[in-house]
Amino acid sequence: MRTLPAATVACAIHNGPLTALSEAYNAIGKWIDSNGYRICGPGREIYVRVTEQGHGKVSQTDPETVTEIQFPVEKP
């Protein structure tokens, strides 16, 4: 565990398989552009709900997966 620096973030909640995460990334990218922000640091994924496949592997196709995507943003 570590503490991350405070930031204004654009975030999206993706409900569905990890194989479809690109849809959420596209949506958050469009929102950032259309609202006059720019990304100012590395993004992160928070796995709110995942299904383990065993041996430390996470299911890529479980439709019940919930992932939060965050990007720190700023107005240029």
PDB file of N, CA and C in Angstrom:
ATOM      1  N   MET A   1       0.847  -1.157   0.000  1.00  0.00           N
ATOM      2  CA  MET A   1       0.000   0.000   0.000  1.00  0.00           C
ATOM      3  C   MET A   1       0.898   1.227   0.000  1.00  0.00           C
ATOM      4  N   ARG A   2       0.424   2.261  -0.695  1.00  0.00           N
ATOM      5  CA  ARG A   2       1.152   3.523  -0.668  1.00  0.00           C
ATOM      6  C   ARG A   2       0.171   4.668  -0.844  1.00  0.00           C
ATOM      7  N   THR A   3       0.581   5.841  -0.394  1.00  0.00           N
ATOM      8  CA  THR A   3      -0.237   7.034  -0.515  1.00  0.00           C
ATOM      9  C   THR A   3       0.137   7.743  -1.802  1.00  0.00           C
ATOM     10  N   LEU A   4      -0.870   8.073  -2.591  1.00  0.00           N
ATOM     11  CA  LEU A   4      -0.640   8.786  -3.844  1.00  0.00           C
ATOM     12  C   LEU A   4      -0.858  10.275  -3.611  1.00  0.00           C
ATOM     13  N   PRO A   5      -0.162  11.105  -4.366  1.00  0.00           N
ATOM     14  CA  PRO A   5      -0.340  12.549  -4.185  1.00  0.00           C
ATOM     15  C   PRO A   5      -1.746  12.986  -4.583  1.00  0.00           C
ATOM     16  N   ALA A   6      -2.230  14.022  -3.936  1.00  0.00           N
ATOM     17  CA  ALA A   6      -3.546  14.570  -4.259  1.00  0.00           C
ATOM     18  C   ALA A   6      -3.548  15.056  -5.700  1.00  0.00           C
ATOM     19  N   ALA A   7      -4.670  14.855  -6.378  1.00  0.00           N
ATOM     20  CA  ALA A   7      -4.783  15.279  -7.773  1.00  0.00           C
ATOM     21  C   ALA A   7      -6.246  15.413  -8.151  1.00  0.00           C
ATOM     22  N   THR A   8      -6.507  16.244  -9.138  1.00  0.00           N
ATOM     23  CA  THR A   8      -7.809  16.260  -9.782  1.00  0.00           C
ATOM     24  C   THR A   8      -7.768  15.162 -10.831  1.00  0.00           C
ATOM     25  N   VAL A   9      -8.736  14.272 -10.797  1.00  0.00           N
ATOM     26  CA  VAL A   9      -8.713  13.155 -11.735  1.00  0.00           C
ATOM     27  C   VAL A   9     -10.009  13.087 -12.526  1.00  0.00           C
ATOM     28  N   ALA A  10      -9.871  12.625 -13.755  1.00  0.00           N
ATOM     29  CA  ALA A  10     -11.025  12.226 -14.554  1.00  0.00           C
ATOM     30  C   ALA A  10     -11.129  10.729 -14.363  1.00  0.00           C
ATOM     31  N   CYS A  11     -12.320  10.248 -14.075  1.00  0.00           N
ATOM     32  CA  CYS A  11     -12.440   8.814 -13.847  1.00  0.00           C
ATOM     33  C   CYS A  11     -13.668   8.261 -14.557  1.00  0.00           C
ATOM     34  N   ALA A  12     -13.592   6.966 -14.811  1.00  0.00           N
ATOM     35  CA  ALA A  12     -14.695   6.236 -15.428  1.00  0.00           C
ATOM     36  C   ALA A  12     -14.805   4.897 -14.719  1.00  0.00           C
ATOM     37  N   ILE A  13     -16.026   4.444 -14.520  1.00  0.00           N
ATOM     38  CA  ILE A  13     -16.279   3.127 -13.956  1.00  0.00           C
ATOM     39  C   ILE A  13     -16.699   2.217 -15.105  1.00  0.00           C
ATOM     40  N   HIS A  14     -15.958   1.121 -15.265  1.00  0.00           N
ATOM     41  CA  HIS A  14     -16.264   0.149 -16.317  1.00  0.00           C
ATOM     42  C   HIS A  14     -16.881  -1.086 -15.677  1.00  0.00           C
ATOM     43  N   ASN A  15     -18.102  -1.405 -16.086  1.00  0.00           N
ATOM     44  CA  ASN A  15     -18.772  -2.623 -15.644  1.00  0.00           C
ATOM     45  C   ASN A  15     -18.732  -3.609 -16.793  1.00  0.00           C
ATOM     46  N   GLY A  16     -17.926  -4.642 -16.660  1.00  0.00           N
ATOM     47  CA  GLY A  16     -17.818  -5.634 -17.717  1.00  0.00           C
ATOM     48  C   GLY A  16     -16.432  -6.237 -17.755  1.00  0.00           C
ATOM     49  N   PRO A  17     -16.220  -7.125 -18.702  1.00  0.00           N
ATOM     50  CA  PRO A  17     -14.951  -7.847 -18.749  1.00  0.00           C
ATOM     51  C   PRO A  17     -13.756  -6.939 -19.023  1.00  0.00           C
ATOM     52  N   LEU A  18     -12.613  -7.360 -18.514  1.00  0.00           N
ATOM     53  CA  LEU A  18     -11.380  -6.607 -18.743  1.00  0.00           C
ATOM     54  C   LEU A  18     -11.030  -6.551 -20.225  1.00  0.00           C
ATOM     55  N   THR A  19     -11.483  -7.522 -20.989  1.00  0.00           N
ATOM     56  CA  THR A  19     -11.207  -7.525 -22.425  1.00  0.00           C
ATOM     57  C   THR A  19     -11.882  -6.368 -23.145  1.00  0.00           C
ATOM     58  N   ALA A  20     -12.830  -5.699 -22.487  1.00  0.00           N
ATOM     59  CA  ALA A  20     -13.535  -4.572 -23.101  1.00  0.00           C
ATOM     60  C   ALA A  20     -13.154  -3.227 -22.470  1.00  0.00           C
ATOM     61  N   LEU A  21     -12.061  -3.189 -21.716  1.00  0.00           N
ATOM     62  CA  LEU A  21     -11.651  -1.948 -21.053  1.00  0.00           C
ATOM     63  C   LEU A  21     -11.365  -0.812 -22.033  1.00  0.00           C
ATOM     64  N   SER A  22     -11.006  -1.142 -23.248  1.00  0.00           N
ATOM     65  CA  SER A  22     -10.700  -0.087 -24.221  1.00  0.00           C
ATOM     66  C   SER A  22     -11.888   0.847 -24.424  1.00  0.00           C
ATOM     67  N   GLU A  23     -13.104   0.345 -24.268  1.00  0.00           N
ATOM     68  CA  GLU A  23     -14.298   1.192 -24.398  1.00  0.00           C
ATOM     69  C   GLU A  23     -14.285   2.297 -23.344  1.00  0.00           C
ATOM     70  N   ALA A  24     -13.933   1.940 -22.120  1.00  0.00           N
ATOM     71  CA  ALA A  24     -13.882   2.929 -21.036  1.00  0.00           C
ATOM     72  C   ALA A  24     -12.742   3.918 -21.260  1.00  0.00           C
ATOM     73  N   TYR A  25     -11.595   3.422 -21.736  1.00  0.00           N
ATOM     74  CA  TYR A  25     -10.466   4.326 -22.020  1.00  0.00           C
ATOM     75  C   TYR A  25     -10.844   5.313 -23.132  1.00  0.00           C
ATOM     76  N   ASN A  26     -11.527   4.846 -24.155  1.00  0.00           N
ATOM     77  CA  ASN A  26     -11.970   5.751 -25.229  1.00  0.00           C
ATOM     78  C   ASN A  26     -12.936   6.798 -24.693  1.00  0.00           C
ATOM     79  N   ALA A  27     -13.870   6.392 -23.848  1.00  0.00           N
ATOM     80  CA  ALA A  27     -14.855   7.331 -23.296  1.00  0.00           C
ATOM     81  C   ALA A  27     -14.198   8.383 -22.415  1.00  0.00           C
ATOM     82  N   ILE A  28     -13.283   7.977 -21.561  1.00  0.00           N
ATOM     83  CA  ILE A  28     -12.631   8.948 -20.680  1.00  0.00           C
ATOM     84  C   ILE A  28     -11.732   9.886 -21.488  1.00  0.00           C
ATOM     85  N   GLY A  29     -11.094   9.380 -22.521  1.00  0.00           N
ATOM     86  CA  GLY A  29     -10.277  10.232 -23.390  1.00  0.00           C
ATOM     87  C   GLY A  29     -11.108  11.283 -24.096  1.00  0.00           C
ATOM     88  N   LYS A  30     -12.279  10.885 -24.593  1.00  0.00           N
ATOM     89  CA  LYS A  30     -13.186  11.847 -25.243  1.00  0.00           C
ATOM     90  C   LYS A  30     -13.661  12.902 -24.256  1.00  0.00           C
ATOM     91  N   TRP A  31     -13.982  12.475 -23.023  1.00  0.00           N
ATOM     92  CA  TRP A  31     -14.449  13.431 -22.014  1.00  0.00           C
ATOM     93  C   TRP A  31     -13.350  14.431 -21.695  1.00  0.00           C
ATOM     94  N   ILE A  32     -12.133  13.960 -21.506  1.00  0.00           N
ATOM     95  CA  ILE A  32     -11.009  14.845 -21.192  1.00  0.00           C
ATOM     96  C   ILE A  32     -10.834  15.881 -22.298  1.00  0.00           C
ATOM     97  N   ASP A  33     -10.826  15.432 -23.553  1.00  0.00           N
ATOM     98  CA  ASP A  33     -10.665  16.352 -24.689  1.00  0.00           C
ATOM     99  C   ASP A  33     -11.811  17.351 -24.794  1.00  0.00           C
ATOM    100  N   SER A  34     -13.035  16.857 -24.693  1.00  0.00           N
ATOM    101  CA  SER A  34     -14.186  17.737 -24.912  1.00  0.00           C
ATOM    102  C   SER A  34     -14.425  18.708 -23.762  1.00  0.00           C
ATOM    103  N   ASN A  35     -13.804  18.481 -22.616  1.00  0.00           N
ATOM    104  CA  ASN A  35     -13.971  19.381 -21.481  1.00  0.00           C
ATOM    105  C   ASN A  35     -12.745  20.247 -21.221  1.00  0.00           C
ATOM    106  N   GLY A  36     -11.813  20.262 -22.170  1.00  0.00           N
ATOM    107  CA  GLY A  36     -10.687  21.179 -22.107  1.00  0.00           C
ATOM    108  C   GLY A  36      -9.599  20.815 -21.105  1.00  0.00           C
ATOM    109  N   TYR A  37      -9.472  19.555 -20.774  1.00  0.00           N
ATOM    110  CA  TYR A  37      -8.416  19.109 -19.862  1.00  0.00           C
ATOM    111  C   TYR A  37      -7.303  18.434 -20.639  1.00  0.00           C
ATOM    112  N   ARG A  38      -6.198  18.197 -19.947  1.00  0.00           N
ATOM    113  CA  ARG A  38      -5.130  17.368 -20.496  1.00  0.00           C
ATOM    114  C   ARG A  38      -4.629  16.465 -19.372  1.00  0.00           C
ATOM    115  N   ILE A  39      -4.156  15.312 -19.751  1.00  0.00           N
ATOM    116  CA  ILE A  39      -3.612  14.363 -18.787  1.00  0.00           C
ATOM    117  C   ILE A  39      -2.259  14.885 -18.311  1.00  0.00           C
ATOM    118  N   CYS A  40      -2.025  14.860 -16.995  1.00  0.00           N
ATOM    119  CA  CYS A  40      -0.782  15.413 -16.449  1.00  0.00           C
ATOM    120  C   CYS A  40      -0.025  14.405 -15.578  1.00  0.00           C
ATOM    121  N   GLY A  41      -0.248  13.152 -15.795  1.00  0.00           N
ATOM    122  CA  GLY A  41       0.454  12.128 -15.021  1.00  0.00           C
ATOM    123  C   GLY A  41      -0.043  10.750 -15.414  1.00  0.00           C
ATOM    124  N   PRO A  42       0.540   9.718 -14.830  1.00  0.00           N
ATOM    125  CA  PRO A  42       0.162   8.357 -15.202  1.00  0.00           C
ATOM    126  C   PRO A  42      -1.242   8.000 -14.713  1.00  0.00           C
ATOM    127  N   GLY A  43      -1.941   7.227 -15.521  1.00  0.00           N
ATOM    128  CA  GLY A  43      -3.259   6.744 -15.146  1.00  0.00           C
ATOM    129  C   GLY A  43      -3.143   5.529 -14.244  1.00  0.00           C
ATOM    130  N   ARG A  44      -4.272   5.153 -13.680  1.00  0.00           N
ATOM    131  CA  ARG A  44      -4.294   3.947 -12.851  1.00  0.00           C
ATOM    132  C   ARG A  44      -5.637   3.249 -12.971  1.00  0.00           C
ATOM    133  N   GLU A  45      -5.617   1.956 -12.724  1.00  0.00           N
ATOM    134  CA  GLU A  45      -6.822   1.136 -12.724  1.00  0.00           C
ATOM    135  C   GLU A  45      -7.027   0.609 -11.312  1.00  0.00           C
ATOM    136  N   ILE A  46      -8.251   0.742 -10.825  1.00  0.00           N
ATOM    137  CA  ILE A  46      -8.606   0.212  -9.512  1.00  0.00           C
ATOM    138  C   ILE A  46      -9.617  -0.898  -9.759  1.00  0.00           C
ATOM    139  N   TYR A  47      -9.264  -2.087  -9.328  1.00  0.00           N
ATOM    140  CA  TYR A  47     -10.125  -3.247  -9.545  1.00  0.00           C
ATOM    141  C   TYR A  47     -11.082  -3.361  -8.367  1.00  0.00           C
ATOM    142  N   VAL A  48     -12.306  -2.888  -8.581  1.00  0.00           N
ATOM    143  CA  VAL A  48     -13.314  -2.845  -7.532  1.00  0.00           C
ATOM    144  C   VAL A  48     -13.869  -4.248  -7.281  1.00  0.00           C
ATOM    145  N   ARG A  49     -14.109  -4.993  -8.355  1.00  0.00           N
ATOM    146  CA  ARG A  49     -14.604  -6.366  -8.236  1.00  0.00           C
ATOM    147  C   ARG A  49     -13.998  -7.190  -9.359  1.00  0.00           C
ATOM    148  N   VAL A  50     -13.277  -8.252  -8.990  1.00  0.00           N
ATOM    149  CA  VAL A  50     -12.713  -9.172  -9.977  1.00  0.00           C
ATOM    150  C   VAL A  50     -12.940 -10.605  -9.510  1.00  0.00           C
ATOM    151  N   THR A  51     -12.884 -11.521 -10.451  1.00  0.00           N
ATOM    152  CA  THR A  51     -13.021 -12.939 -10.156  1.00  0.00           C
ATOM    153  C   THR A  51     -11.669 -13.598 -10.364  1.00  0.00           C
ATOM    154  N   GLU A  52     -11.218 -14.299  -9.353  1.00  0.00           N
ATOM    155  CA  GLU A  52      -9.932 -15.000  -9.455  1.00  0.00           C
ATOM    156  C   GLU A  52     -10.127 -16.317 -10.201  1.00  0.00           C
ATOM    157  N   GLN A  53      -9.170 -16.637 -11.046  1.00  0.00           N
ATOM    158  CA  GLN A  53      -9.175 -17.886 -11.790  1.00  0.00           C
ATOM    159  C   GLN A  53      -8.309 -18.939 -11.097  1.00  0.00           C
ATOM    160  N   GLY A  54      -7.654 -18.558 -10.030  1.00  0.00           N
ATOM    161  CA  GLY A  54      -6.732 -19.456  -9.353  1.00  0.00           C
ATOM    162  C   GLY A  54      -5.307 -19.148  -9.750  1.00  0.00           C
ATOM    163  N   HIS A  55      -4.357 -19.534  -8.932  1.00  0.00           N
ATOM    164  CA  HIS A  55      -2.930 -19.312  -9.176  1.00  0.00           C
ATOM    165  C   HIS A  55      -2.616 -17.835  -9.400  1.00  0.00           C
ATOM    166  N   GLY A  56      -3.375 -16.936  -8.743  1.00  0.00           N
ATOM    167  CA  GLY A  56      -3.111 -15.504  -8.845  1.00  0.00           C
ATOM    168  C   GLY A  56      -3.570 -14.853 -10.135  1.00  0.00           C
ATOM    169  N   LYS A  57      -4.298 -15.591 -10.976  1.00  0.00           N
ATOM    170  CA  LYS A  57      -4.774 -15.031 -12.242  1.00  0.00           C
ATOM    171  C   LYS A  57      -6.194 -14.494 -12.082  1.00  0.00           C
ATOM    172  N   VAL A  58      -6.457 -13.386 -12.752  1.00  0.00           N
ATOM    173  CA  VAL A  58      -7.768 -12.746 -12.720  1.00  0.00           C
ATOM    174  C   VAL A  58      -8.481 -13.039 -14.030  1.00  0.00           C
ATOM    175  N   SER A  59      -9.793 -13.303 -13.950  1.00  0.00           N
ATOM    176  CA  SER A  59     -10.577 -13.548 -15.156  1.00  0.00           C
ATOM    177  C   SER A  59     -10.607 -12.308 -16.041  1.00  0.00           C
ATOM    178  N   GLN A  60     -10.295 -12.477 -17.293  1.00  0.00           N
ATOM    179  CA  GLN A  60     -10.337 -11.380 -18.263  1.00  0.00           C
ATOM    180  C   GLN A  60     -11.722 -11.225 -18.895  1.00  0.00           C
ATOM    181  N   THR A  61     -12.587 -12.227 -18.734  1.00  0.00           N
ATOM    182  CA  THR A  61     -13.851 -12.246 -19.461  1.00  0.00           C
ATOM    183  C   THR A  61     -15.091 -12.209 -18.568  1.00  0.00           C
ATOM    184  N   ASP A  62     -14.938 -12.137 -17.253  1.00  0.00           N
ATOM    185  CA  ASP A  62     -16.092 -12.120 -16.355  1.00  0.00           C
ATOM    186  C   ASP A  62     -16.894 -10.835 -16.559  1.00  0.00           C
ATOM    187  N   PRO A  63     -18.163 -10.939 -16.951  1.00  0.00           N
ATOM    188  CA  PRO A  63     -18.968  -9.738 -17.191  1.00  0.00           C
ATOM    189  C   PRO A  63     -19.335  -8.979 -15.918  1.00  0.00           C
ATOM    190  N   GLU A  64     -19.073  -9.553 -14.758  1.00  0.00           N
ATOM    191  CA  GLU A  64     -19.387  -8.906 -13.481  1.00  0.00           C
ATOM    192  C   GLU A  64     -18.226  -8.078 -12.938  1.00  0.00           C
ATOM    193  N   THR A  65     -17.129  -7.997 -13.665  1.00  0.00           N
ATOM    194  CA  THR A  65     -15.961  -7.235 -13.223  1.00  0.00           C
ATOM    195  C   THR A  65     -16.287  -5.736 -13.193  1.00  0.00           C
ATOM    196  N   VAL A  66     -15.777  -5.036 -12.177  1.00  0.00           N
ATOM    197  CA  VAL A  66     -15.941  -3.590 -12.064  1.00  0.00           C
ATOM    198  C   VAL A  66     -14.547  -2.977 -11.905  1.00  0.00           C
ATOM    199  N   THR A  67     -14.216  -2.041 -12.797  1.00  0.00           N
ATOM    200  CA  THR A  67     -12.902  -1.403 -12.793  1.00  0.00           C
ATOM    201  C   THR A  67     -13.077   0.110 -12.837  1.00  0.00           C
ATOM    202  N   GLU A  68     -12.339   0.816 -11.999  1.00  0.00           N
ATOM    203  CA  GLU A  68     -12.323   2.281 -12.059  1.00  0.00           C
ATOM    204  C   GLU A  68     -11.016   2.710 -12.713  1.00  0.00           C
ATOM    205  N   ILE A  69     -11.129   3.567 -13.721  1.00  0.00           N
ATOM    206  CA  ILE A  69      -9.952   4.112 -14.420  1.00  0.00           C
ATOM    207  C   ILE A  69      -9.839   5.571 -14.025  1.00  0.00           C
ATOM    208  N   GLN A  70      -8.624   5.989 -13.667  1.00  0.00           N
ATOM    209  CA  GLN A  70      -8.385   7.383 -13.262  1.00  0.00           C
ATOM    210  C   GLN A  70      -7.185   7.952 -13.997  1.00  0.00           C
ATOM    211  N   PHE A  71      -7.323   9.204 -14.427  1.00  0.00           N
ATOM    212  CA  PHE A  71      -6.203   9.952 -14.989  1.00  0.00           C
ATOM    213  C   PHE A  71      -6.123  11.306 -14.312  1.00  0.00           C
ATOM    214  N   PRO A  72      -4.949  11.690 -13.788  1.00  0.00           N
ATOM    215  CA  PRO A  72      -4.818  13.039 -13.262  1.00  0.00           C
ATOM    216  C   PRO A  72      -4.894  14.034 -14.427  1.00  0.00           C
ATOM    217  N   VAL A  73      -5.653  15.098 -14.229  1.00  0.00           N
ATOM    218  CA  VAL A  73      -5.871  16.072 -15.306  1.00  0.00           C
ATOM    219  C   VAL A  73      -5.661  17.490 -14.797  1.00  0.00           C
ATOM    220  N   GLU A  74      -5.437  18.378 -15.748  1.00  0.00           N
ATOM    221  CA  GLU A  74      -5.340  19.795 -15.459  1.00  0.00           C
ATOM    222  C   GLU A  74      -5.813  20.573 -16.670  1.00  0.00           C
ATOM    223  N   LYS A  75      -6.195  21.818 -16.426  1.00  0.00           N
ATOM    224  CA  LYS A  75      -6.546  22.714 -17.525  1.00  0.00           C
ATOM    225  C   LYS A  75      -5.242  23.326 -18.028  1.00  0.00           C
ATOM    226  N   PRO A  76      -5.011  23.292 -19.337  1.00  0.00           N
ATOM    227  CA  PRO A  76      -3.763  23.874 -19.882  1.00  0.00           C
ATOM    228  C   PRO A  76      -3.713  25.388 -19.711  1.00  0.00           C
TER     229      PRO A  76
END
